[in-house]
Amino acid sequence: MPRQSKSLQPSLFEDEAPRVILAAAPMGDLAALVEALLREIATALANVESSDEQDHD
């Protein structure tokens, strides 16, 4: 039985079109998501910094 030479993993340099077409998300939704994530990160960093200051007192 002959083996298949084509890999299941596509090459980065293939000229074929992608098999899955991704839908573009609305930019407003993405902007709101990024803003919320940045607020969460800033809050977490502020909490870590304030707990570090309390530990050194």
PDB file of N, CA and C in Angstrom:
ATOM      1  N   MET A   1       0.852  -1.187   0.000  1.00  0.00           N
ATOM      2  CA  MET A   1       0.000   0.000   0.000  1.00  0.00           C
ATOM      3  C   MET A   1       0.892   1.244   0.000  1.00  0.00           C
ATOM      4  N   PRO A   2       0.722   2.141  -0.968  1.00  0.00           N
ATOM      5  CA  PRO A   2       1.567   3.336  -1.025  1.00  0.00           C
ATOM      6  C   PRO A   2       1.229   4.303   0.108  1.00  0.00           C
ATOM      7  N   ARG A   3       2.258   4.954   0.598  1.00  0.00           N
ATOM      8  CA  ARG A   3       2.059   5.945   1.655  1.00  0.00           C
ATOM      9  C   ARG A   3       1.712   7.290   1.045  1.00  0.00           C
ATOM     10  N   GLN A   4       0.919   8.051   1.761  1.00  0.00           N
ATOM     11  CA  GLN A   4       0.598   9.398   1.292  1.00  0.00           C
ATOM     12  C   GLN A   4       1.785  10.303   1.592  1.00  0.00           C
ATOM     13  N   SER A   5       2.237  11.005   0.592  1.00  0.00           N
ATOM     14  CA  SER A   5       3.378  11.892   0.793  1.00  0.00           C
ATOM     15  C   SER A   5       2.949  13.265   1.301  1.00  0.00           C
ATOM     16  N   LYS A   6       1.693  13.611   1.094  1.00  0.00           N
ATOM     17  CA  LYS A   6       1.192  14.919   1.527  1.00  0.00           C
ATOM     18  C   LYS A   6       0.940  14.899   3.031  1.00  0.00           C
ATOM     19  N   SER A   7       1.492  15.826   3.732  1.00  0.00           N
ATOM     20  CA  SER A   7       1.332  15.920   5.171  1.00  0.00           C
ATOM     21  C   SER A   7      -0.032  16.515   5.505  1.00  0.00           C
ATOM     22  N   LEU A   8      -0.551  16.144   6.659  1.00  0.00           N
ATOM     23  CA  LEU A   8      -1.803  16.737   7.108  1.00  0.00           C
ATOM     24  C   LEU A   8      -1.607  18.182   7.553  1.00  0.00           C
ATOM     25  N   GLN A   9      -0.388  18.512   7.954  1.00  0.00           N
ATOM     26  CA  GLN A   9      -0.068  19.869   8.353  1.00  0.00           C
ATOM     27  C   GLN A   9       0.306  20.673   7.106  1.00  0.00           C
ATOM     28  N   PRO A  10      -0.427  21.764   6.811  1.00  0.00           N
ATOM     29  CA  PRO A  10      -0.097  22.534   5.608  1.00  0.00           C
ATOM     30  C   PRO A  10       1.233  23.262   5.752  1.00  0.00           C
ATOM     31  N   SER A  11       1.877  23.465   4.637  1.00  0.00           N
ATOM     32  CA  SER A  11       3.134  24.193   4.617  1.00  0.00           C
ATOM     33  C   SER A  11       2.854  25.691   4.721  1.00  0.00           C
ATOM     34  N   LEU A  12       3.794  26.402   5.299  1.00  0.00           N
ATOM     35  CA  LEU A  12       3.648  27.855   5.388  1.00  0.00           C
ATOM     36  C   LEU A  12       3.757  28.522   4.027  1.00  0.00           C
ATOM     37  N   PHE A  13       4.347  27.820   3.064  1.00  0.00           N
ATOM     38  CA  PHE A  13       4.621  28.419   1.777  1.00  0.00           C
ATOM     39  C   PHE A  13       3.713  27.904   0.664  1.00  0.00           C
ATOM     40  N   GLU A  14       2.625  27.215   1.019  1.00  0.00           N
ATOM     41  CA  GLU A  14       1.695  26.733   0.002  1.00  0.00           C
ATOM     42  C   GLU A  14       0.971  27.905  -0.644  1.00  0.00           C
ATOM     43  N   ASP A  15       0.662  27.748  -1.912  1.00  0.00           N
ATOM     44  CA  ASP A  15      -0.063  28.791  -2.626  1.00  0.00           C
ATOM     45  C   ASP A  15      -1.570  28.625  -2.523  1.00  0.00           C
ATOM     46  N   GLU A  16      -2.010  27.543  -1.929  1.00  0.00           N
ATOM     47  CA  GLU A  16      -3.448  27.293  -1.822  1.00  0.00           C
ATOM     48  C   GLU A  16      -4.099  28.291  -0.868  1.00  0.00           C
ATOM     49  N   ALA A  17      -5.374  28.553  -1.117  1.00  0.00           N
ATOM     50  CA  ALA A  17      -6.133  29.439  -0.244  1.00  0.00           C
ATOM     51  C   ALA A  17      -6.419  28.715   1.072  1.00  0.00           C
ATOM     52  N   PRO A  18      -6.562  29.441   2.165  1.00  0.00           N
ATOM     53  CA  PRO A  18      -6.869  28.787   3.440  1.00  0.00           C
ATOM     54  C   PRO A  18      -8.205  28.051   3.369  1.00  0.00           C
ATOM     55  N   ARG A  19      -8.288  26.960   4.095  1.00  0.00           N
ATOM     56  CA  ARG A  19      -9.504  26.146   4.076  1.00  0.00           C
ATOM     57  C   ARG A  19     -10.611  26.742   4.935  1.00  0.00           C
ATOM     58  N   VAL A  20     -10.250  27.513   5.935  1.00  0.00           N
ATOM     59  CA  VAL A  20     -11.232  28.124   6.829  1.00  0.00           C
ATOM     60  C   VAL A  20     -11.160  29.627   6.647  1.00  0.00           C
ATOM     61  N   ILE A  21     -12.281  30.226   6.399  1.00  0.00           N
ATOM     62  CA  ILE A  21     -12.336  31.679   6.258  1.00  0.00           C
ATOM     63  C   ILE A  21     -12.857  32.253   7.569  1.00  0.00           C
ATOM     64  N   LEU A  22     -12.054  33.093   8.196  1.00  0.00           N
ATOM     65  CA  LEU A  22     -12.426  33.676   9.469  1.00  0.00           C
ATOM     66  C   LEU A  22     -13.220  34.960   9.249  1.00  0.00           C
ATOM     67  N   ALA A  23     -14.277  35.112  10.020  1.00  0.00           N
ATOM     68  CA  ALA A  23     -15.084  36.326   9.935  1.00  0.00           C
ATOM     69  C   ALA A  23     -14.401  37.431  10.733  1.00  0.00           C
ATOM     70  N   ALA A  24     -14.407  38.612  10.196  1.00  0.00           N
ATOM     71  CA  ALA A  24     -13.811  39.747  10.888  1.00  0.00           C
ATOM     72  C   ALA A  24     -14.745  40.214  11.997  1.00  0.00           C
ATOM     73  N   ALA A  25     -14.199  40.407  13.179  1.00  0.00           N
ATOM     74  CA  ALA A  25     -14.992  40.897  14.305  1.00  0.00           C
ATOM     75  C   ALA A  25     -15.131  42.413  14.183  1.00  0.00           C
ATOM     76  N   PRO A  26     -16.252  42.951  14.612  1.00  0.00           N
ATOM     77  CA  PRO A  26     -16.413  44.407  14.577  1.00  0.00           C
ATOM     78  C   PRO A  26     -15.351  45.089  15.438  1.00  0.00           C
ATOM     79  N   MET A  27     -14.771  46.143  14.928  1.00  0.00           N
ATOM     80  CA  MET A  27     -13.678  46.833  15.616  1.00  0.00           C
ATOM     81  C   MET A  27     -14.120  47.413  16.953  1.00  0.00           C
ATOM     82  N   GLY A  28     -15.358  47.846  17.060  1.00  0.00           N
ATOM     83  CA  GLY A  28     -15.858  48.392  18.326  1.00  0.00           C
ATOM     84  C   GLY A  28     -15.852  47.343  19.422  1.00  0.00           C
ATOM     85  N   ASP A  29     -16.244  46.121  19.087  1.00  0.00           N
ATOM     86  CA  ASP A  29     -16.244  45.037  20.076  1.00  0.00           C
ATOM     87  C   ASP A  29     -14.819  44.714  20.506  1.00  0.00           C
ATOM     88  N   LEU A  30     -13.899  44.685  19.553  1.00  0.00           N
ATOM     89  CA  LEU A  30     -12.510  44.401  19.887  1.00  0.00           C
ATOM     90  C   LEU A  30     -11.911  45.507  20.747  1.00  0.00           C
ATOM     91  N   ALA A  31     -12.234  46.743  20.439  1.00  0.00           N
ATOM     92  CA  ALA A  31     -11.710  47.869  21.217  1.00  0.00           C
ATOM     93  C   ALA A  31     -12.224  47.801  22.655  1.00  0.00           C
ATOM     94  N   ALA A  32     -13.490  47.467  22.836  1.00  0.00           N
ATOM     95  CA  ALA A  32     -14.058  47.353  24.179  1.00  0.00           C
ATOM     96  C   ALA A  32     -13.403  46.200  24.944  1.00  0.00           C
ATOM     97  N   LEU A  33     -13.135  45.102  24.266  1.00  0.00           N
ATOM     98  CA  LEU A  33     -12.479  43.964  24.896  1.00  0.00           C
ATOM     99  C   LEU A  33     -11.061  44.315  25.333  1.00  0.00           C
ATOM    100  N   VAL A  34     -10.314  44.968  24.455  1.00  0.00           N
ATOM    101  CA  VAL A  34      -8.939  45.362  24.788  1.00  0.00           C
ATOM    102  C   VAL A  34      -8.937  46.337  25.958  1.00  0.00           C
ATOM    103  N   GLU A  35      -9.860  47.285  25.954  1.00  0.00           N
ATOM    104  CA  GLU A  35      -9.946  48.249  27.049  1.00  0.00           C
ATOM    105  C   GLU A  35     -10.240  47.548  28.377  1.00  0.00           C
ATOM    106  N   ALA A  36     -11.175  46.606  28.367  1.00  0.00           N
ATOM    107  CA  ALA A  36     -11.511  45.878  29.589  1.00  0.00           C
ATOM    108  C   ALA A  36     -10.320  45.051  30.079  1.00  0.00           C
ATOM    109  N   LEU A  37      -9.607  44.411  29.167  1.00  0.00           N
ATOM    110  CA  LEU A  37      -8.437  43.628  29.552  1.00  0.00           C
ATOM    111  C   LEU A  37      -7.339  44.518  30.138  1.00  0.00           C
ATOM    112  N   LEU A  38      -7.110  45.665  29.532  1.00  0.00           N
ATOM    113  CA  LEU A  38      -6.095  46.574  30.058  1.00  0.00           C
ATOM    114  C   LEU A  38      -6.462  47.092  31.446  1.00  0.00           C
ATOM    115  N   ARG A  39      -7.753  47.345  31.669  1.00  0.00           N
ATOM    116  CA  ARG A  39      -8.187  47.768  33.012  1.00  0.00           C
ATOM    117  C   ARG A  39      -7.949  46.667  34.037  1.00  0.00           C
ATOM    118  N   GLU A  40      -8.255  45.422  33.668  1.00  0.00           N
ATOM    119  CA  GLU A  40      -8.031  44.289  34.567  1.00  0.00           C
ATOM    120  C   GLU A  40      -6.549  44.142  34.895  1.00  0.00           C
ATOM    121  N   ILE A  41      -5.702  44.283  33.896  1.00  0.00           N
ATOM    122  CA  ILE A  41      -4.254  44.174  34.108  1.00  0.00           C
ATOM    123  C   ILE A  41      -3.770  45.289  35.025  1.00  0.00           C
ATOM    124  N   ALA A  42      -4.231  46.517  34.785  1.00  0.00           N
ATOM    125  CA  ALA A  42      -3.814  47.649  35.612  1.00  0.00           C
ATOM    126  C   ALA A  42      -4.264  47.464  37.058  1.00  0.00           C
ATOM    127  N   THR A  43      -5.473  46.961  37.258  1.00  0.00           N
ATOM    128  CA  THR A  43      -5.985  46.714  38.606  1.00  0.00           C
ATOM    129  C   THR A  43      -5.161  45.637  39.303  1.00  0.00           C
ATOM    130  N   ALA A  44      -4.857  44.566  38.590  1.00  0.00           N
ATOM    131  CA  ALA A  44      -4.059  43.482  39.172  1.00  0.00           C
ATOM    132  C   ALA A  44      -2.665  43.980  39.543  1.00  0.00           C
ATOM    133  N   LEU A  45      -2.051  44.772  38.673  1.00  0.00           N
ATOM    134  CA  LEU A  45      -0.723  45.306  38.969  1.00  0.00           C
ATOM    135  C   LEU A  45      -0.757  46.257  40.157  1.00  0.00           C
ATOM    136  N   ALA A  46      -1.789  47.070  40.255  1.00  0.00           N
ATOM    137  CA  ALA A  46      -1.904  47.999  41.378  1.00  0.00           C
ATOM    138  C   ALA A  46      -2.076  47.228  42.681  1.00  0.00           C
ATOM    139  N   ASN A  47      -2.836  46.142  42.657  1.00  0.00           N
ATOM    140  CA  ASN A  47      -3.033  45.330  43.857  1.00  0.00           C
ATOM    141  C   ASN A  47      -1.737  44.660  44.288  1.00  0.00           C
ATOM    142  N   VAL A  48      -0.953  44.193  43.343  1.00  0.00           N
ATOM    143  CA  VAL A  48       0.324  43.555  43.666  1.00  0.00           C
ATOM    144  C   VAL A  48       1.278  44.577  44.249  1.00  0.00           C
ATOM    145  N   GLU A  49       1.338  45.760  43.666  1.00  0.00           N
ATOM    146  CA  GLU A  49       2.243  46.805  44.153  1.00  0.00           C
ATOM    147  C   GLU A  49       1.847  47.258  45.545  1.00  0.00           C
ATOM    148  N   SER A  50       0.554  47.398  45.818  1.00  0.00           N
ATOM    149  CA  SER A  50       0.125  47.854  47.141  1.00  0.00           C
ATOM    150  C   SER A  50       0.392  46.770  48.181  1.00  0.00           C
ATOM    151  N   SER A  51       0.251  45.507  47.838  1.00  0.00           N
ATOM    152  CA  SER A  51       0.547  44.438  48.805  1.00  0.00           C
ATOM    153  C   SER A  51       2.053  44.343  49.053  1.00  0.00           C
ATOM    154  N   ASP A  52       2.872  44.636  48.036  1.00  0.00           N
ATOM    155  CA  ASP A  52       4.317  44.635  48.203  1.00  0.00           C
ATOM    156  C   ASP A  52       4.745  45.763  49.156  1.00  0.00           C
ATOM    157  N   GLU A  53       4.113  46.930  49.048  1.00  0.00           N
ATOM    158  CA  GLU A  53       4.441  48.053  49.902  1.00  0.00           C
ATOM    159  C   GLU A  53       4.068  47.754  51.343  1.00  0.00           C
ATOM    160  N   GLN A  54       2.951  47.068  51.557  1.00  0.00           N
ATOM    161  CA  GLN A  54       2.522  46.714  52.901  1.00  0.00           C
ATOM    162  C   GLN A  54       3.469  45.700  53.532  1.00  0.00           C
ATOM    163  N   ASP A  55       4.018  44.803  52.744  1.00  0.00           N
ATOM    164  CA  ASP A  55       4.939  43.782  53.258  1.00  0.00           C
ATOM    165  C   ASP A  55       6.246  44.384  53.726  1.00  0.00           C
ATOM    166  N   HIS A  56       6.654  45.531  53.164  1.00  0.00           N
ATOM    167  CA  HIS A  56       7.935  46.138  53.496  1.00  0.00           C
ATOM    168  C   HIS A  56       7.853  47.087  54.661  1.00  0.00           C
ATOM    169  N   ASP A  57       6.659  47.383  55.159  1.00  0.00           N
ATOM    170  CA  ASP A  57       6.515  48.321  56.273  1.00  0.00           C
ATOM    171  C   ASP A  57       6.901  47.706  57.586  1.00  0.00           C
TER     172      ASP A  57
END
